PDB file of N, CA and C in Angstrom:
ATOM      1  N   LYS A   1     175.631  70.836 119.728  1.00  0.00           N
ATOM      2  CA  LYS A   1     175.647  69.918 120.853  1.00  0.00           C
ATOM      3  C   LYS A   1     177.013  69.928 121.544  1.00  0.00           C
ATOM      4  N   TYR A   2     177.009  69.656 122.845  1.00  0.00           N
ATOM      5  CA  TYR A   2     178.207  69.687 123.637  1.00  0.00           C
ATOM      6  C   TYR A   2     178.088  68.561 124.643  1.00  0.00           C
ATOM      7  N   ALA A   3     179.074  67.701 124.694  1.00  0.00           N
ATOM      8  CA  ALA A   3     178.982  66.505 125.607  1.00  0.00           C
ATOM      9  C   ALA A   3     180.009  66.593 126.725  1.00  0.00           C
ATOM     10  N   ILE A   4     179.615  66.254 127.953  1.00  0.00           N
ATOM     11  CA  ILE A   4     180.457  66.105 129.071  1.00  0.00           C
ATOM     12  C   ILE A   4     180.221  64.668 129.604  1.00  0.00           C
ATOM     13  N   ASN A   5     181.254  63.839 129.499  1.00  0.00           N
ATOM     14  CA  ASN A   5     181.076  62.443 129.810  1.00  0.00           C
ATOM     15  C   ASN A   5     179.904  61.864 128.977  1.00  0.00           C
ATOM     16  N   ASP A   6     178.858  61.355 129.536  1.00  0.00           N
ATOM     17  CA  ASP A   6     177.741  60.785 128.783  1.00  0.00           C
ATOM     18  C   ASP A   6     176.558  61.728 128.648  1.00  0.00           C
ATOM     19  N   ILE A   7     176.663  62.985 129.134  1.00  0.00           N
ATOM     20  CA  ILE A   7     175.626  63.945 129.105  1.00  0.00           C
ATOM     21  C   ILE A   7     175.748  64.817 127.881  1.00  0.00           C
ATOM     22  N   VAL A   8     174.735  64.888 127.095  1.00  0.00           N
ATOM     23  CA  VAL A   8     174.781  65.745 125.874  1.00  0.00           C
ATOM     24  C   VAL A   8     173.873  66.968 126.160  1.00  0.00           C
ATOM     25  N   PHE A   9     174.438  68.152 125.914  1.00  0.00           N
ATOM     26  CA  PHE A   9     173.717  69.431 126.110  1.00  0.00           C
ATOM     27  C   PHE A   9     173.504  70.048 124.732  1.00  0.00           C
ATOM     28  N   ASN A  10     172.325  70.638 124.543  1.00  0.00           N
ATOM     29  CA  ASN A  10     172.007  71.355 123.294  1.00  0.00           C
ATOM     30  C   ASN A  10     172.112  72.815 123.501  1.00  0.00           C
ATOM     31  N   ASN A  11     172.412  73.539 122.397  1.00  0.00           N
ATOM     32  CA  ASN A  11     172.472  75.006 122.460  1.00  0.00           C
ATOM     33  C   ASN A  11     173.351  75.506 123.587  1.00  0.00           C
ATOM     34  N   VAL A  12     174.629  75.272 123.356  1.00  0.00           N
ATOM     35  CA  VAL A  12     175.666  75.659 124.387  1.00  0.00           C
ATOM     36  C   VAL A  12     176.469  76.825 123.822  1.00  0.00           C
ATOM     37  N   VAL A  13     176.726  77.831 124.685  1.00  0.00           N
ATOM     38  CA  VAL A  13     177.554  78.976 124.310  1.00  0.00           C
ATOM     39  C   VAL A  13     178.781  78.940 125.146  1.00  0.00           C
ATOM     40  N   CYS A  14     179.885  79.261 124.558  1.00  0.00           N
ATOM     41  CA  CYS A  14     181.235  79.357 125.281  1.00  0.00           C
ATOM     42  C   CYS A  14     181.627  80.768 125.410  1.00  0.00           C
ATOM     43  N   ILE A  15     181.887  81.202 126.602  1.00  0.00           N
ATOM     44  CA  ILE A  15     182.341  82.603 126.852  1.00  0.00           C
ATOM     45  C   ILE A  15     183.739  82.530 127.519  1.00  0.00           C
ATOM     46  N   GLN A  16     184.684  83.356 127.003  1.00  0.00           N
ATOM     47  CA  GLN A  16     186.006  83.350 127.563  1.00  0.00           C
ATOM     48  C   GLN A  16     186.389  84.690 128.177  1.00  0.00           C
ATOM     49  N   TRP A  17     187.032  84.653 129.334  1.00  0.00           N
ATOM     50  CA  TRP A  17     187.522  85.785 130.034  1.00  0.00           C
ATOM     51  C   TRP A  17     189.027  85.969 129.650  1.00  0.00           C
ATOM     52  N   LEU A  18     189.323  87.111 129.014  1.00  0.00           N
ATOM     53  CA  LEU A  18     190.700  87.366 128.593  1.00  0.00           C
ATOM     54  C   LEU A  18     191.425  88.289 129.525  1.00  0.00           C
ATOM     55  N   VAL A  19     192.708  88.028 129.778  1.00  0.00           N
ATOM     56  CA  VAL A  19     193.538  88.877 130.572  1.00  0.00           C
ATOM     57  C   VAL A  19     194.803  89.134 129.673  1.00  0.00           C
ATOM     58  N   ASN A  20     194.991  90.411 129.315  1.00  0.00           N
ATOM     59  CA  ASN A  20     196.064  90.759 128.441  1.00  0.00           C
ATOM     60  C   ASN A  20     196.112  89.943 127.134  1.00  0.00           C
ATOM     61  N   GLY A  21     194.907  89.658 126.618  1.00  0.00           N
ATOM     62  CA  GLY A  21     194.773  88.901 125.374  1.00  0.00           C
ATOM     63  C   GLY A  21     194.868  87.428 125.461  1.00  0.00           C
ATOM     64  N   ASN A  22     195.091  86.902 126.684  1.00  0.00           N
ATOM     65  CA  ASN A  22     195.218  85.474 126.905  1.00  0.00           C
ATOM     66  C   ASN A  22     193.934  84.944 127.589  1.00  0.00           C
ATOM     67  N   VAL A  23     193.511  83.753 127.271  1.00  0.00           N
ATOM     68  CA  VAL A  23     192.333  83.148 127.945  1.00  0.00           C
ATOM     69  C   VAL A  23     192.692  82.863 129.389  1.00  0.00           C
ATOM     70  N   ASP A  24     191.890  83.420 130.333  1.00  0.00           N
ATOM     71  CA  ASP A  24     192.102  83.126 131.768  1.00  0.00           C
ATOM     72  C   ASP A  24     191.066  82.159 132.272  1.00  0.00           C
ATOM     73  N   GLU A  25     189.797  82.265 131.914  1.00  0.00           N
ATOM     74  CA  GLU A  25     188.763  81.421 132.273  1.00  0.00           C
ATOM     75  C   GLU A  25     187.818  81.169 131.086  1.00  0.00           C
ATOM     76  N   THR A  26     187.238  79.957 131.001  1.00  0.00           N
ATOM     77  CA  THR A  26     186.256  79.654 129.984  1.00  0.00           C
ATOM     78  C   THR A  26     185.005  79.161 130.666  1.00  0.00           C
ATOM     79  N   TYR A  27     183.822  79.622 130.215  1.00  0.00           N
ATOM     80  CA  TYR A  27     182.516  79.280 130.804  1.00  0.00           C
ATOM     81  C   TYR A  27     181.680  78.695 129.695  1.00  0.00           C
ATOM     82  N   TYR A  28     180.939  77.608 130.000  1.00  0.00           N
ATOM     83  CA  TYR A  28     180.006  77.024 129.069  1.00  0.00           C
ATOM     84  C   TYR A  28     178.626  77.097 129.636  1.00  0.00           C
ATOM     85  N   PHE A  29     177.661  77.651 128.928  1.00  0.00           N
ATOM     86  CA  PHE A  29     176.304  77.769 129.406  1.00  0.00           C
ATOM     87  C   PHE A  29     175.379  76.991 128.431  1.00  0.00           C
ATOM     88  N   ALA A  30     174.451  76.256 128.951  1.00  0.00           N
ATOM     89  CA  ALA A  30     173.490  75.505 128.146  1.00  0.00           C
ATOM     90  C   ALA A  30     172.117  76.138 128.318  1.00  0.00           C
ATOM     91  N   GLU A  31     171.463  76.299 127.176  1.00  0.00           N
ATOM     92  CA  GLU A  31     170.145  76.889 127.185  1.00  0.00           C
ATOM     93  C   GLU A  31     169.179  76.155 128.091  1.00  0.00           C
ATOM     94  N   GLY A  32     168.517  76.899 129.009  1.00  0.00           N
ATOM     95  CA  GLY A  32     167.580  76.297 129.916  1.00  0.00           C
ATOM     96  C   GLY A  32     168.166  75.733 131.164  1.00  0.00           C
ATOM     97  N   LEU A  33     169.539  75.663 131.230  1.00  0.00           N
ATOM     98  CA  LEU A  33     170.206  75.106 132.402  1.00  0.00           C
ATOM     99  C   LEU A  33     171.156  76.077 133.046  1.00  0.00           C
ATOM    100  N   GLY A  34     171.830  76.834 132.335  1.00  0.00           N
ATOM    101  CA  GLY A  34     172.826  77.733 132.851  1.00  0.00           C
ATOM    102  C   GLY A  34     174.213  77.193 132.780  1.00  0.00           C
ATOM    103  N   LEU A  35     175.097  77.558 133.730  1.00  0.00           N
ATOM    104  CA  LEU A  35     176.514  77.181 133.730  1.00  0.00           C
ATOM    105  C   LEU A  35     176.598  75.601 133.818  1.00  0.00           C
ATOM    106  N   ILE A  36     177.339  74.991 132.870  1.00  0.00           N
ATOM    107  CA  ILE A  36     177.507  73.519 132.930  1.00  0.00           C
ATOM    108  C   ILE A  36     178.983  73.142 133.009  1.00  0.00           C
ATOM    109  N   ARG A  37     179.891  74.144 132.711  1.00  0.00           N
ATOM    110  CA  ARG A  37     181.337  73.836 132.804  1.00  0.00           C
ATOM    111  C   ARG A  37     182.097  75.095 132.961  1.00  0.00           C
ATOM    112  N   TRP A  38     183.193  75.081 133.740  1.00  0.00           N
ATOM    113  CA  TRP A  38     184.087  76.173 133.958  1.00  0.00           C
ATOM    114  C   TRP A  38     185.535  75.640 133.915  1.00  0.00           C
ATOM    115  N   GLN A  39     186.366  76.399 133.269  1.00  0.00           N
ATOM    116  CA  GLN A  39     187.799  75.996 133.132  1.00  0.00           C
ATOM    117  C   GLN A  39     188.703  77.181 133.407  1.00  0.00           C
ATOM    118  N   LYS A  40     189.779  76.974 134.167  1.00  0.00           N
ATOM    119  CA  LYS A  40     190.822  78.020 134.420  1.00  0.00           C
ATOM    120  C   LYS A  40     192.032  77.687 133.695  1.00  0.00           C
ATOM    121  N   TYR A  41     192.794  78.637 133.253  1.00  0.00           N
ATOM    122  CA  TYR A  41     194.006  78.392 132.449  1.00  0.00           C
ATOM    123  C   TYR A  41     194.977  77.435 133.141  1.00  0.00           C
ATOM    124  N   ASP A  42     195.001  77.506 134.484  1.00  0.00           N
ATOM    125  CA  ASP A  42     196.025  76.679 135.254  1.00  0.00           C
ATOM    126  C   ASP A  42     195.569  75.199 135.438  1.00  0.00           C
ATOM    127  N   GLY A  43     194.433  74.816 134.782  1.00  0.00           N
ATOM    128  CA  GLY A  43     193.996  73.461 134.828  1.00  0.00           C
ATOM    129  C   GLY A  43     192.850  73.173 135.801  1.00  0.00           C
ATOM    130  N   LYS A  44     192.460  74.106 136.597  1.00  0.00           N
ATOM    131  CA  LYS A  44     191.287  73.922 137.454  1.00  0.00           C
ATOM    132  C   LYS A  44     190.028  73.914 136.618  1.00  0.00           C
ATOM    133  N   GLU A  45     189.071  73.095 136.991  1.00  0.00           N
ATOM    134  CA  GLU A  45     187.860  73.012 136.261  1.00  0.00           C
ATOM    135  C   GLU A  45     186.700  72.433 137.050  1.00  0.00           C
ATOM    136  N   SER A  46     185.504  72.659 136.642  1.00  0.00           N
ATOM    137  CA  SER A  46     184.359  72.146 137.248  1.00  0.00           C
ATOM    138  C   SER A  46     183.301  71.888 136.185  1.00  0.00           C
ATOM    139  N   TRP A  47     182.457  70.871 136.338  1.00  0.00           N
ATOM    140  CA  TRP A  47     181.488  70.606 135.244  1.00  0.00           C
ATOM    141  C   TRP A  47     180.263  69.840 135.851  1.00  0.00           C
ATOM    142  N   ALA A  48     179.193  69.866 135.088  1.00  0.00           N
ATOM    143  CA  ALA A  48     178.005  69.119 135.463  1.00  0.00           C
ATOM    144  C   ALA A  48     178.247  67.618 135.386  1.00  0.00           C
ATOM    145  N   SER A  49     177.884  66.920 136.415  1.00  0.00           N
ATOM    146  CA  SER A  49     178.153  65.474 136.436  1.00  0.00           C
ATOM    147  C   SER A  49     176.877  64.637 136.290  1.00  0.00           C
ATOM    148  N   GLU A  50     175.757  65.304 136.449  1.00  0.00           N
ATOM    149  CA  GLU A  50     174.502  64.574 136.252  1.00  0.00           C
ATOM    150  C   GLU A  50     173.316  65.607 135.984  1.00  0.00           C
ATOM    151  N   LEU A  51     172.298  65.203 135.352  1.00  0.00           N
ATOM    152  CA  LEU A  51     171.087  65.949 135.201  1.00  0.00           C
ATOM    153  C   LEU A  51     170.038  65.404 136.105  1.00  0.00           C
ATOM    154  N   ILE A  52     169.435  66.252 136.904  1.00  0.00           N
ATOM    155  CA  ILE A  52     168.358  65.830 137.823  1.00  0.00           C
ATOM    156  C   ILE A  52     167.026  66.469 137.387  1.00  0.00           C
ATOM    157  N   LYS A  53     166.049  65.632 137.017  1.00  0.00           N
ATOM    158  CA  LYS A  53     164.772  66.252 136.561  1.00  0.00           C
ATOM    159  C   LYS A  53     164.101  67.019 137.675  1.00  0.00           C
ATOM    160  N   ARG A  54     163.445  68.134 137.217  1.00  0.00           N
ATOM    161  CA  ARG A  54     162.771  69.016 138.197  1.00  0.00           C
ATOM    162  C   ARG A  54     161.753  68.167 138.942  1.00  0.00           C
ATOM    163  N   GLY A  55     161.776  68.332 140.314  1.00  0.00           N
ATOM    164  CA  GLY A  55     160.879  67.646 141.182  1.00  0.00           C
ATOM    165  C   GLY A  55     161.422  66.306 141.710  1.00  0.00           C
ATOM    166  N   ALA A  56     162.521  65.798 141.153  1.00  0.00           N
ATOM    167  CA  ALA A  56     163.054  64.497 141.543  1.00  0.00           C
ATOM    168  C   ALA A  56     163.787  64.622 142.877  1.00  0.00           C
ATOM    169  N   GLN A  57     164.172  65.816 143.334  1.00  0.00           N
ATOM    170  CA  GLN A  57     164.830  65.949 144.590  1.00  0.00           C
ATOM    171  C   GLN A  57     164.181  67.094 145.421  1.00  0.00           C
ATOM    172  N   GLY A  58     162.967  66.978 145.643  1.00  0.00           N
ATOM    173  CA  GLY A  58     162.292  68.018 146.462  1.00  0.00           C
ATOM    174  C   GLY A  58     162.103  69.315 145.629  1.00  0.00           C
ATOM    175  N   ASP A  59     162.275  70.406 146.320  1.00  0.00           N
ATOM    176  CA  ASP A  59     161.982  71.714 145.739  1.00  0.00           C
ATOM    177  C   ASP A  59     163.249  72.291 145.136  1.00  0.00           C
ATOM    178  N   ASN A  60     163.569  71.849 143.933  1.00  0.00           N
ATOM    179  CA  ASN A  60     164.793  72.332 143.242  1.00  0.00           C
ATOM    180  C   ASN A  60     164.348  73.289 142.124  1.00  0.00           C
ATOM    181  N   GLU A  61     163.669  74.389 142.405  1.00  0.00           N
ATOM    182  CA  GLU A  61     163.228  75.289 141.382  1.00  0.00           C
ATOM    183  C   GLU A  61     164.364  76.112 140.842  1.00  0.00           C
ATOM    184  N   ARG A  62     164.302  76.384 139.556  1.00  0.00           N
ATOM    185  CA  ARG A  62     165.308  77.130 138.867  1.00  0.00           C
ATOM    186  C   ARG A  62     165.244  78.566 139.276  1.00  0.00           C
ATOM    187  N   GLU A  63     166.391  79.197 139.532  1.00  0.00           N
ATOM    188  CA  GLU A  63     166.413  80.604 139.871  1.00  0.00           C
ATOM    189  C   GLU A  63     166.138  81.457 138.609  1.00  0.00           C
ATOM    190  N   VAL A  64     165.322  82.455 138.738  1.00  0.00           N
ATOM    191  CA  VAL A  64     165.026  83.354 137.603  1.00  0.00           C
ATOM    192  C   VAL A  64     166.021  84.535 137.595  1.00  0.00           C
ATOM    193  N   ILE A  65     166.700  84.656 136.495  1.00  0.00           N
ATOM    194  CA  ILE A  65     167.648  85.769 136.332  1.00  0.00           C
ATOM    195  C   ILE A  65     167.095  86.609 135.192  1.00  0.00           C
ATOM    196  N   PRO A  66     166.516  87.784 135.534  1.00  0.00           N
ATOM    197  CA  PRO A  66     165.773  88.582 134.593  1.00  0.00           C
ATOM    198  C   PRO A  66     166.484  88.857 133.202  1.00  0.00           C
ATOM    199  N   CYS A  67     167.800  89.076 133.243  1.00  0.00           N
ATOM    200  CA  CYS A  67     168.498  89.478 132.008  1.00  0.00           C
ATOM    201  C   CYS A  67     168.813  88.260 131.095  1.00  0.00           C
ATOM    202  N   LEU A  68     168.510  87.004 131.561  1.00  0.00           N
ATOM    203  CA  LEU A  68     168.775  85.824 130.775  1.00  0.00           C
ATOM    204  C   LEU A  68     167.443  85.295 130.216  1.00  0.00           C
ATOM    205  N   LYS A  69     167.431  84.842 129.022  1.00  0.00           N
ATOM    206  CA  LYS A  69     166.274  84.244 128.375  1.00  0.00           C
ATOM    207  C   LYS A  69     166.116  82.886 128.967  1.00  0.00           C
ATOM    208  N   VAL A  70     164.939  82.543 129.392  1.00  0.00           N
ATOM    209  CA  VAL A  70     164.625  81.243 129.994  1.00  0.00           C
ATOM    210  C   VAL A  70     163.972  80.365 129.004  1.00  0.00           C
TER     211      VAL A  70
END
């Protein structure tokens, strides 16, 4: 489990981009949702701030990416 503020995500994987052996960027992906957080070594970051149920905001269908398990 991985929490951002009051949102708890299950089955999260963390992937890091290394430059010369040092972490440059870190990505967090949640199963069934995709990217939920991004961090850069210099302090820049972005994260999911809310979960919106499918259909709650019109046509917000999930994009299908063939190489990723859905």
